[in-house]
């Protein structure tokens, strides 16, 4: 799909359902609505959200309560591995 006008911000930057200027602004407006409770992790996620050029480059914090069917599947010397299910949401410019 060639670059088109974003239906939300009307900039010529809409490609594959993604508008970097619009989505970057949206993510920035939501920065105060979530936290990992670790400043370094929060900054890493925020930086990834601000610089994502495509929807598959986005990283989002997922709160623990959104995971379903959590099961421990392994344990080792330095950690425990869990399996869980979550609904995947596609982020597209016109879905915001």
PDB file of N, CA and C in Angstrom:
ATOM      1  N   UNK A   1       0.842  -1.170   0.000  1.00  0.00           N
ATOM      2  CA  UNK A   1       0.000   0.000   0.000  1.00  0.00           C
ATOM      3  C   UNK A   1       0.890   1.236   0.000  1.00  0.00           C
ATOM      4  N   UNK A   2       0.731   2.116  -0.966  1.00  0.00           N
ATOM      5  CA  UNK A   2       1.532   3.336  -0.982  1.00  0.00           C
ATOM      6  C   UNK A   2       1.102   4.284   0.134  1.00  0.00           C
ATOM      7  N   UNK A   3       1.943   5.238   0.398  1.00  0.00           N
ATOM      8  CA  UNK A   3       1.662   6.223   1.436  1.00  0.00           C
ATOM      9  C   UNK A   3       0.427   7.037   1.047  1.00  0.00           C
ATOM     10  N   UNK A   4      -0.485   7.189   1.987  1.00  0.00           N
ATOM     11  CA  UNK A   4      -1.718   7.932   1.759  1.00  0.00           C
ATOM     12  C   UNK A   4      -1.904   8.947   2.870  1.00  0.00           C
ATOM     13  N   UNK A   5      -2.972   9.713   2.773  1.00  0.00           N
ATOM     14  CA  UNK A   5      -3.300  10.670   3.829  1.00  0.00           C
ATOM     15  C   UNK A   5      -3.954   9.944   5.001  1.00  0.00           C
ATOM     16  N   UNK A   6      -3.518  10.285   6.192  1.00  0.00           N
ATOM     17  CA  UNK A   6      -4.092   9.715   7.408  1.00  0.00           C
ATOM     18  C   UNK A   6      -5.519  10.243   7.570  1.00  0.00           C
ATOM     19  N   UNK A   7      -6.498   9.370   7.829  1.00  0.00           N
ATOM     20  CA  UNK A   7      -7.873   9.837   7.994  1.00  0.00           C
ATOM     21  C   UNK A   7      -8.086  10.649   9.271  1.00  0.00           C
ATOM     22  N   UNK A   8      -7.146  10.583  10.206  1.00  0.00           N
ATOM     23  CA  UNK A   8      -7.279  11.312  11.467  1.00  0.00           C
ATOM     24  C   UNK A   8      -6.582  12.668  11.459  1.00  0.00           C
ATOM     25  N   UNK A   9      -5.324  12.698  11.006  1.00  0.00           N
ATOM     26  CA  UNK A   9      -4.557  13.952  11.064  1.00  0.00           C
ATOM     27  C   UNK A   9      -4.380  14.598   9.695  1.00  0.00           C
ATOM     28  N   UNK A  10      -4.777  13.892   8.636  1.00  0.00           N
ATOM     29  CA  UNK A  10      -4.738  14.389   7.260  1.00  0.00           C
ATOM     30  C   UNK A  10      -3.326  14.645   6.738  1.00  0.00           C
ATOM     31  N   UNK A  11      -2.304  14.078   7.388  1.00  0.00           N
ATOM     32  CA  UNK A  11      -0.936  14.196   6.881  1.00  0.00           C
ATOM     33  C   UNK A  11      -0.671  13.063   5.899  1.00  0.00           C
ATOM     34  N   UNK A  12       0.214  13.303   4.964  1.00  0.00           N
ATOM     35  CA  UNK A  12       0.560  12.302   3.956  1.00  0.00           C
ATOM     36  C   UNK A  12       1.591  11.330   4.535  1.00  0.00           C
ATOM     37  N   UNK A  13       1.176  10.595   5.557  1.00  0.00           N
ATOM     38  CA  UNK A  13       2.106   9.704   6.250  1.00  0.00           C
ATOM     39  C   UNK A  13       1.459   8.384   6.638  1.00  0.00           C
ATOM     40  N   UNK A  14       0.323   8.102   6.077  1.00  0.00           N
ATOM     41  CA  UNK A  14      -0.460   6.913   6.421  1.00  0.00           C
ATOM     42  C   UNK A  14      -0.054   5.772   5.508  1.00  0.00           C
ATOM     43  N   UNK A  15       0.540   4.724   6.087  1.00  0.00           N
ATOM     44  CA  UNK A  15       0.998   3.598   5.290  1.00  0.00           C
ATOM     45  C   UNK A  15       0.753   2.313   6.056  1.00  0.00           C
ATOM     46  N   UNK A  16       0.136   1.344   5.422  1.00  0.00           N
ATOM     47  CA  UNK A  16      -0.193   0.071   6.061  1.00  0.00           C
ATOM     48  C   UNK A  16      -0.975   0.281   7.355  1.00  0.00           C
ATOM     49  N   UNK A  17      -1.899   1.223   7.359  1.00  0.00           N
ATOM     50  CA  UNK A  17      -2.722   1.477   8.533  1.00  0.00           C
ATOM     51  C   UNK A  17      -2.000   2.162   9.668  1.00  0.00           C
ATOM     52  N   UNK A  18      -0.877   2.798   9.389  1.00  0.00           N
ATOM     53  CA  UNK A  18      -0.061   3.414  10.444  1.00  0.00           C
ATOM     54  C   UNK A  18       0.309   4.841  10.073  1.00  0.00           C
ATOM     55  N   UNK A  19       0.109   5.745  10.997  1.00  0.00           N
ATOM     56  CA  UNK A  19       0.518   7.140  10.825  1.00  0.00           C
ATOM     57  C   UNK A  19       1.425   7.482  12.003  1.00  0.00           C
ATOM     58  N   UNK A  20       2.715   7.588  11.754  1.00  0.00           N
ATOM     59  CA  UNK A  20       3.669   7.824  12.844  1.00  0.00           C
ATOM     60  C   UNK A  20       3.362   9.109  13.610  1.00  0.00           C
ATOM     61  N   UNK A  21       3.144  10.261  12.946  1.00  0.00           N
ATOM     62  CA  UNK A  21       2.864  11.477  13.724  1.00  0.00           C
ATOM     63  C   UNK A  21       1.624  11.348  14.610  1.00  0.00           C
ATOM     64  N   UNK A  22       0.558  10.799  14.063  1.00  0.00           N
ATOM     65  CA  UNK A  22      -0.684  10.674  14.830  1.00  0.00           C
ATOM     66  C   UNK A  22      -0.523   9.692  15.989  1.00  0.00           C
ATOM     67  N   UNK A  23       0.011   8.504  15.716  1.00  0.00           N
ATOM     68  CA  UNK A  23       0.150   7.500  16.769  1.00  0.00           C
ATOM     69  C   UNK A  23       1.167   7.905  17.823  1.00  0.00           C
ATOM     70  N   UNK A  24       2.253   8.567  17.432  1.00  0.00           N
ATOM     71  CA  UNK A  24       3.232   9.043  18.414  1.00  0.00           C
ATOM     72  C   UNK A  24       2.573  10.010  19.388  1.00  0.00           C
ATOM     73  N   UNK A  25       1.757  10.918  18.853  1.00  0.00           N
ATOM     74  CA  UNK A  25       1.057  11.891  19.702  1.00  0.00           C
ATOM     75  C   UNK A  25       0.068  11.171  20.625  1.00  0.00           C
ATOM     76  N   UNK A  26      -0.657  10.201  20.086  1.00  0.00           N
ATOM     77  CA  UNK A  26      -1.619   9.443  20.896  1.00  0.00           C
ATOM     78  C   UNK A  26      -0.910   8.725  22.050  1.00  0.00           C
ATOM     79  N   UNK A  27       0.188   8.038  21.743  1.00  0.00           N
ATOM     80  CA  UNK A  27       0.926   7.336  22.795  1.00  0.00           C
ATOM     81  C   UNK A  27       1.438   8.313  23.847  1.00  0.00           C
ATOM     82  N   UNK A  28       1.958   9.447  23.404  1.00  0.00           N
ATOM     83  CA  UNK A  28       2.483  10.436  24.344  1.00  0.00           C
ATOM     84  C   UNK A  28       1.374  10.923  25.279  1.00  0.00           C
ATOM     85  N   UNK A  29       0.179  11.106  24.763  1.00  0.00           N
ATOM     86  CA  UNK A  29      -0.947  11.535  25.598  1.00  0.00           C
ATOM     87  C   UNK A  29      -1.327  10.483  26.637  1.00  0.00           C
ATOM     88  N   UNK A  30      -0.977   9.226  26.400  1.00  0.00           N
ATOM     89  CA  UNK A  30      -1.311   8.142  27.331  1.00  0.00           C
ATOM     90  C   UNK A  30      -0.178   7.781  28.290  1.00  0.00           C
ATOM     91  N   UNK A  31       0.955   8.454  28.205  1.00  0.00           N
ATOM     92  CA  UNK A  31       2.095   8.105  29.062  1.00  0.00           C
ATOM     93  C   UNK A  31       1.737   8.123  30.545  1.00  0.00           C
ATOM     94  N   UNK A  32       0.879   9.030  30.957  1.00  0.00           N
ATOM     95  CA  UNK A  32       0.544   9.132  32.385  1.00  0.00           C
ATOM     96  C   UNK A  32      -0.550   8.149  32.807  1.00  0.00           C
ATOM     97  N   UNK A  33      -1.037   7.315  31.888  1.00  0.00           N
ATOM     98  CA  UNK A  33      -2.112   6.379  32.203  1.00  0.00           C
ATOM     99  C   UNK A  33      -1.614   4.974  32.536  1.00  0.00           C
ATOM    100  N   UNK A  34      -0.314   4.739  32.457  1.00  0.00           N
ATOM    101  CA  UNK A  34       0.234   3.413  32.749  1.00  0.00           C
ATOM    102  C   UNK A  34       1.646   3.549  33.306  1.00  0.00           C
ATOM    103  N   UNK A  35       2.103   2.523  34.008  1.00  0.00           N
ATOM    104  CA  UNK A  35       3.491   2.450  34.463  1.00  0.00           C
ATOM    105  C   UNK A  35       3.850   0.997  34.755  1.00  0.00           C
ATOM    106  N   UNK A  36       5.093   0.683  34.499  1.00  0.00           N
ATOM    107  CA  UNK A  36       5.628  -0.628  34.880  1.00  0.00           C
ATOM    108  C   UNK A  36       6.147  -0.574  36.310  1.00  0.00           C
ATOM    109  N   UNK A  37       6.175   0.623  36.866  1.00  0.00           N
ATOM    110  CA  UNK A  37       6.749   0.925  38.176  1.00  0.00           C
ATOM    111  C   UNK A  37       8.268   0.821  38.165  1.00  0.00           C
ATOM    112  N   UNK A  38       8.852   0.916  36.969  1.00  0.00           N
ATOM    113  CA  UNK A  38      10.301   0.950  36.798  1.00  0.00           C
ATOM    114  C   UNK A  38      10.589   2.029  35.760  1.00  0.00           C
ATOM    115  N   UNK A  39      11.237   3.121  36.180  1.00  0.00           N
ATOM    116  CA  UNK A  39      11.458   4.263  35.285  1.00  0.00           C
ATOM    117  C   UNK A  39      12.218   3.891  34.018  1.00  0.00           C
ATOM    118  N   UNK A  40      13.204   3.008  34.129  1.00  0.00           N
ATOM    119  CA  UNK A  40      13.987   2.628  32.947  1.00  0.00           C
ATOM    120  C   UNK A  40      13.133   1.869  31.936  1.00  0.00           C
ATOM    121  N   UNK A  41      12.296   0.968  32.419  1.00  0.00           N
ATOM    122  CA  UNK A  41      11.406   0.223  31.521  1.00  0.00           C
ATOM    123  C   UNK A  41      10.387   1.167  30.898  1.00  0.00           C
ATOM    124  N   UNK A  42       9.812   2.065  31.709  1.00  0.00           N
ATOM    125  CA  UNK A  42       8.846   3.032  31.171  1.00  0.00           C
ATOM    126  C   UNK A  42       9.468   3.871  30.064  1.00  0.00           C
ATOM    127  N   UNK A  43      10.667   4.381  30.279  1.00  0.00           N
ATOM    128  CA  UNK A  43      11.346   5.208  29.264  1.00  0.00           C
ATOM    129  C   UNK A  43      11.641   4.396  28.004  1.00  0.00           C
ATOM    130  N   UNK A  44      12.043   3.138  28.163  1.00  0.00           N
ATOM    131  CA  UNK A  44      12.313   2.271  27.015  1.00  0.00           C
ATOM    132  C   UNK A  44      11.049   2.085  26.171  1.00  0.00           C
ATOM    133  N   UNK A  45       9.924   1.778  26.834  1.00  0.00           N
ATOM    134  CA  UNK A  45       8.658   1.578  26.124  1.00  0.00           C
ATOM    135  C   UNK A  45       8.205   2.880  25.468  1.00  0.00           C
ATOM    136  N   UNK A  46       8.288   3.989  26.187  1.00  0.00           N
ATOM    137  CA  UNK A  46       7.873   5.280  25.632  1.00  0.00           C
ATOM    138  C   UNK A  46       8.709   5.650  24.412  1.00  0.00           C
ATOM    139  N   UNK A  47      10.009   5.410  24.467  1.00  0.00           N
ATOM    140  CA  UNK A  47      10.883   5.695  23.331  1.00  0.00           C
ATOM    141  C   UNK A  47      10.495   4.839  22.121  1.00  0.00           C
ATOM    142  N   UNK A  48      10.211   3.564  22.363  1.00  0.00           N
ATOM    143  CA  UNK A  48       9.791   2.681  21.268  1.00  0.00           C
ATOM    144  C   UNK A  48       8.471   3.150  20.667  1.00  0.00           C
ATOM    145  N   UNK A  49       7.547   3.604  21.502  1.00  0.00           N
ATOM    146  CA  UNK A  49       6.261   4.087  21.003  1.00  0.00           C
ATOM    147  C   UNK A  49       6.424   5.361  20.179  1.00  0.00           C
ATOM    148  N   UNK A  50       7.288   6.246  20.608  1.00  0.00           N
ATOM    149  CA  UNK A  50       7.496   7.510  19.899  1.00  0.00           C
ATOM    150  C   UNK A  50       8.214   7.327  18.568  1.00  0.00           C
ATOM    151  N   UNK A  51       9.009   6.275  18.447  1.00  0.00           N
ATOM    152  CA  UNK A  51       9.845   6.100  17.258  1.00  0.00           C
ATOM    153  C   UNK A  51       9.400   4.973  16.337  1.00  0.00           C
ATOM    154  N   UNK A  52       8.279   4.336  16.629  1.00  0.00           N
ATOM    155  CA  UNK A  52       7.796   3.235  15.788  1.00  0.00           C
ATOM    156  C   UNK A  52       7.370   3.762  14.422  1.00  0.00           C
ATOM    157  N   UNK A  53       7.907   3.163  13.376  1.00  0.00           N
ATOM    158  CA  UNK A  53       7.547   3.545  12.014  1.00  0.00           C
ATOM    159  C   UNK A  53       6.434   2.673  11.442  1.00  0.00           C
ATOM    160  N   UNK A  54       6.138   1.559  12.095  1.00  0.00           N
ATOM    161  CA  UNK A  54       5.092   0.632  11.662  1.00  0.00           C
ATOM    162  C   UNK A  54       4.395   0.084  12.912  1.00  0.00           C
ATOM    163  N   UNK A  55       3.177  -0.408  12.755  1.00  0.00           N
ATOM    164  CA  UNK A  55       2.447  -0.896  13.930  1.00  0.00           C
ATOM    165  C   UNK A  55       3.111  -2.104  14.582  1.00  0.00           C
ATOM    166  N   UNK A  56       3.862  -2.890  13.835  1.00  0.00           N
ATOM    167  CA  UNK A  56       4.513  -4.071  14.423  1.00  0.00           C
ATOM    168  C   UNK A  56       5.793  -3.722  15.189  1.00  0.00           C
ATOM    169  N   UNK A  57       6.184  -2.458  15.202  1.00  0.00           N
ATOM    170  CA  UNK A  57       7.356  -2.021  15.964  1.00  0.00           C
ATOM    171  C   UNK A  57       6.986  -1.494  17.350  1.00  0.00           C
ATOM    172  N   UNK A  58       5.706  -1.407  17.654  1.00  0.00           N
ATOM    173  CA  UNK A  58       5.243  -0.814  18.907  1.00  0.00           C
ATOM    174  C   UNK A  58       5.395  -1.797  20.063  1.00  0.00           C
ATOM    175  N   UNK A  59       5.813  -1.276  21.199  1.00  0.00           N
ATOM    176  CA  UNK A  59       5.871  -2.034  22.447  1.00  0.00           C
ATOM    177  C   UNK A  59       4.873  -1.373  23.390  1.00  0.00           C
ATOM    178  N   UNK A  60       4.059  -2.164  24.051  1.00  0.00           N
ATOM    179  CA  UNK A  60       3.112  -1.612  25.016  1.00  0.00           C
ATOM    180  C   UNK A  60       3.222  -2.359  26.340  1.00  0.00           C
ATOM    181  N   UNK A  61       3.015  -1.643  27.434  1.00  0.00           N
ATOM    182  CA  UNK A  61       2.970  -2.256  28.745  1.00  0.00           C
ATOM    183  C   UNK A  61       1.623  -2.946  28.889  1.00  0.00           C
ATOM    184  N   UNK A  62       1.635  -4.205  29.316  1.00  0.00           N
ATOM    185  CA  UNK A  62       0.396  -4.958  29.519  1.00  0.00           C
ATOM    186  C   UNK A  62       0.273  -5.252  31.009  1.00  0.00           C
ATOM    187  N   UNK A  63      -0.721  -4.691  31.677  1.00  0.00           N
ATOM    188  CA  UNK A  63      -0.898  -4.952  33.104  1.00  0.00           C
ATOM    189  C   UNK A  63      -1.182  -6.431  33.369  1.00  0.00           C
ATOM    190  N   UNK A  64      -0.740  -6.911  34.502  1.00  0.00           N
ATOM    191  CA  UNK A  64      -0.874  -8.323  34.866  1.00  0.00           C
ATOM    192  C   UNK A  64      -2.325  -8.800  34.806  1.00  0.00           C
ATOM    193  N   UNK A  65      -3.262  -7.934  35.182  1.00  0.00           N
ATOM    194  CA  UNK A  65      -4.662  -8.364  35.231  1.00  0.00           C
ATOM    195  C   UNK A  65      -5.284  -8.610  33.855  1.00  0.00           C
ATOM    196  N   UNK A  66      -4.586  -8.287  32.773  1.00  0.00           N
ATOM    197  CA  UNK A  66      -5.089  -8.571  31.424  1.00  0.00           C
ATOM    198  C   UNK A  66      -4.688  -9.962  30.935  1.00  0.00           C
ATOM    199  N   UNK A  67      -3.817 -10.639  31.673  1.00  0.00           N
ATOM    200  CA  UNK A  67      -3.421 -11.994  31.303  1.00  0.00           C
ATOM    201  C   UNK A  67      -4.446 -12.994  31.825  1.00  0.00           C
ATOM    202  N   UNK A  68      -4.697 -14.038  31.041  1.00  0.00           N
ATOM    203  CA  UNK A  68      -5.657 -15.086  31.406  1.00  0.00           C
ATOM    204  C   UNK A  68      -4.955 -16.442  31.372  1.00  0.00           C
ATOM    205  N   UNK A  69      -5.479 -17.388  32.110  1.00  0.00           N
ATOM    206  CA  UNK A  69      -4.977 -18.770  32.097  1.00  0.00           C
ATOM    207  C   UNK A  69      -3.466 -18.844  32.347  1.00  0.00           C
ATOM    208  N   UNK A  70      -3.011 -18.187  33.383  1.00  0.00           N
ATOM    209  CA  UNK A  70      -1.583 -18.151  33.704  1.00  0.00           C
ATOM    210  C   UNK A  70      -1.161 -19.496  34.295  1.00  0.00           C
ATOM    211  N   UNK A  71      -0.100 -20.075  33.709  1.00  0.00           N
ATOM    212  CA  UNK A  71       0.400 -21.372  34.166  1.00  0.00           C
ATOM    213  C   UNK A  71       1.920 -21.336  34.242  1.00  0.00           C
ATOM    214  N   UNK A  72       2.460 -21.875  35.307  1.00  0.00           N
ATOM    215  CA  UNK A  72       3.908 -22.027  35.401  1.00  0.00           C
ATOM    216  C   UNK A  72       4.303 -23.221  34.545  1.00  0.00           C
ATOM    217  N   UNK A  73       5.253 -23.004  33.622  1.00  0.00           N
ATOM    218  CA  UNK A  73       5.663 -24.102  32.737  1.00  0.00           C
ATOM    219  C   UNK A  73       7.129 -24.484  32.913  1.00  0.00           C
ATOM    220  N   UNK A  74       7.844 -23.759  33.754  1.00  0.00           N
ATOM    221  CA  UNK A  74       9.235 -24.107  33.983  1.00  0.00           C
ATOM    222  C   UNK A  74       9.826 -23.309  35.121  1.00  0.00           C
ATOM    223  N   UNK A  75      10.905 -23.850  35.699  1.00  0.00           N
ATOM    224  CA  UNK A  75      11.590 -23.152  36.782  1.00  0.00           C
ATOM    225  C   UNK A  75      13.047 -23.555  36.736  1.00  0.00           C
ATOM    226  N   UNK A  76      13.915 -22.549  36.870  1.00  0.00           N
ATOM    227  CA  UNK A  76      15.342 -22.824  36.826  1.00  0.00           C
ATOM    228  C   UNK A  76      16.066 -22.087  37.927  1.00  0.00           C
ATOM    229  N   UNK A  77      17.389 -22.054  37.804  1.00  0.00           N
ATOM    230  CA  UNK A  77      18.211 -21.431  38.826  1.00  0.00           C
ATOM    231  C   UNK A  77      18.010 -19.933  38.973  1.00  0.00           C
ATOM    232  N   UNK A  78      17.608 -19.250  37.898  1.00  0.00           N
ATOM    233  CA  UNK A  78      17.509 -17.794  37.951  1.00  0.00           C
ATOM    234  C   UNK A  78      16.115 -17.255  37.663  1.00  0.00           C
ATOM    235  N   UNK A  79      15.133 -18.112  37.498  1.00  0.00           N
ATOM    236  CA  UNK A  79      13.806 -17.586  37.218  1.00  0.00           C
ATOM    237  C   UNK A  79      12.767 -18.662  36.995  1.00  0.00           C
ATOM    238  N   UNK A  80      11.554 -18.194  36.792  1.00  0.00           N
ATOM    239  CA  UNK A  80      10.409 -19.052  36.547  1.00  0.00           C
ATOM    240  C   UNK A  80       9.763 -18.618  35.239  1.00  0.00           C
ATOM    241  N   UNK A  81       9.323 -19.578  34.439  1.00  0.00           N
ATOM    242  CA  UNK A  81       8.692 -19.285  33.155  1.00  0.00           C
ATOM    243  C   UNK A  81       7.204 -19.572  33.267  1.00  0.00           C
ATOM    244  N   UNK A  82       6.412 -18.617  32.793  1.00  0.00           N
ATOM    245  CA  UNK A  82       4.964 -18.763  32.811  1.00  0.00           C
ATOM    246  C   UNK A  82       4.411 -18.657  31.397  1.00  0.00           C
ATOM    247  N   UNK A  83       3.257 -19.254  31.203  1.00  0.00           N
ATOM    248  CA  UNK A  83       2.500 -19.165  29.960  1.00  0.00           C
ATOM    249  C   UNK A  83       1.195 -18.459  30.304  1.00  0.00           C
ATOM    250  N   UNK A  84       0.732 -17.580  29.404  1.00  0.00           N
ATOM    251  CA  UNK A  84      -0.550 -16.904  29.619  1.00  0.00           C
ATOM    252  C   UNK A  84      -1.159 -16.537  28.279  1.00  0.00           C
ATOM    253  N   UNK A  85      -2.440 -16.264  28.303  1.00  0.00           N
ATOM    254  CA  UNK A  85      -3.144 -15.815  27.100  1.00  0.00           C
ATOM    255  C   UNK A  85      -3.549 -14.364  27.276  1.00  0.00           C
ATOM    256  N   UNK A  86      -3.604 -13.656  26.149  1.00  0.00           N
ATOM    257  CA  UNK A  86      -4.068 -12.273  26.136  1.00  0.00           C
ATOM    258  C   UNK A  86      -4.621 -11.987  24.750  1.00  0.00           C
ATOM    259  N   UNK A  87      -5.609 -11.137  24.681  1.00  0.00           N
ATOM    260  CA  UNK A  87      -6.130 -10.711  23.381  1.00  0.00           C
ATOM    261  C   UNK A  87      -5.143  -9.743  22.762  1.00  0.00           C
ATOM    262  N   UNK A  88      -4.851  -9.938  21.496  1.00  0.00           N
ATOM    263  CA  UNK A  88      -3.933  -9.063  20.776  1.00  0.00           C
ATOM    264  C   UNK A  88      -4.748  -7.978  20.089  1.00  0.00           C
ATOM    265  N   UNK A  89      -4.324  -6.749  20.251  1.00  0.00           N
ATOM    266  CA  UNK A  89      -4.988  -5.620  19.613  1.00  0.00           C
ATOM    267  C   UNK A  89      -4.087  -5.047  18.538  1.00  0.00           C
ATOM    268  N   UNK A  90      -4.601  -4.919  17.341  1.00  0.00           N
ATOM    269  CA  UNK A  90      -3.834  -4.282  16.273  1.00  0.00           C
ATOM    270  C   UNK A  90      -4.001  -2.780  16.398  1.00  0.00           C
ATOM    271  N   UNK A  91      -2.912  -2.065  16.324  1.00  0.00           N
ATOM    272  CA  UNK A  91      -2.935  -0.616  16.435  1.00  0.00           C
ATOM    273  C   UNK A  91      -2.905  -0.030  15.034  1.00  0.00           C
ATOM    274  N   UNK A  92      -3.967   0.620  14.674  1.00  0.00           N
ATOM    275  CA  UNK A  92      -4.051   1.281  13.378  1.00  0.00           C
ATOM    276  C   UNK A  92      -4.471   2.718  13.599  1.00  0.00           C
ATOM    277  N   UNK A  93      -4.032   3.582  12.726  1.00  0.00           N
ATOM    278  CA  UNK A  93      -4.310   5.007  12.864  1.00  0.00           C
ATOM    279  C   UNK A  93      -5.805   5.265  13.006  1.00  0.00           C
ATOM    280  N   UNK A  94      -6.620   4.650  12.165  1.00  0.00           N
ATOM    281  CA  UNK A  94      -8.043   4.963  12.178  1.00  0.00           C
ATOM    282  C   UNK A  94      -8.815   4.228  13.269  1.00  0.00           C
ATOM    283  N   UNK A  95      -8.143   3.466  14.119  1.00  0.00           N
ATOM    284  CA  UNK A  95      -8.812   2.812  15.240  1.00  0.00           C
ATOM    285  C   UNK A  95      -8.720   3.638  16.508  1.00  0.00           C
ATOM    286  N   UNK A  96      -7.967   4.698  16.515  1.00  0.00           N
ATOM    287  CA  UNK A  96      -7.769   5.506  17.715  1.00  0.00           C
ATOM    288  C   UNK A  96      -8.893   6.490  17.887  1.00  0.00           C
TER     289      UNK A  96
END
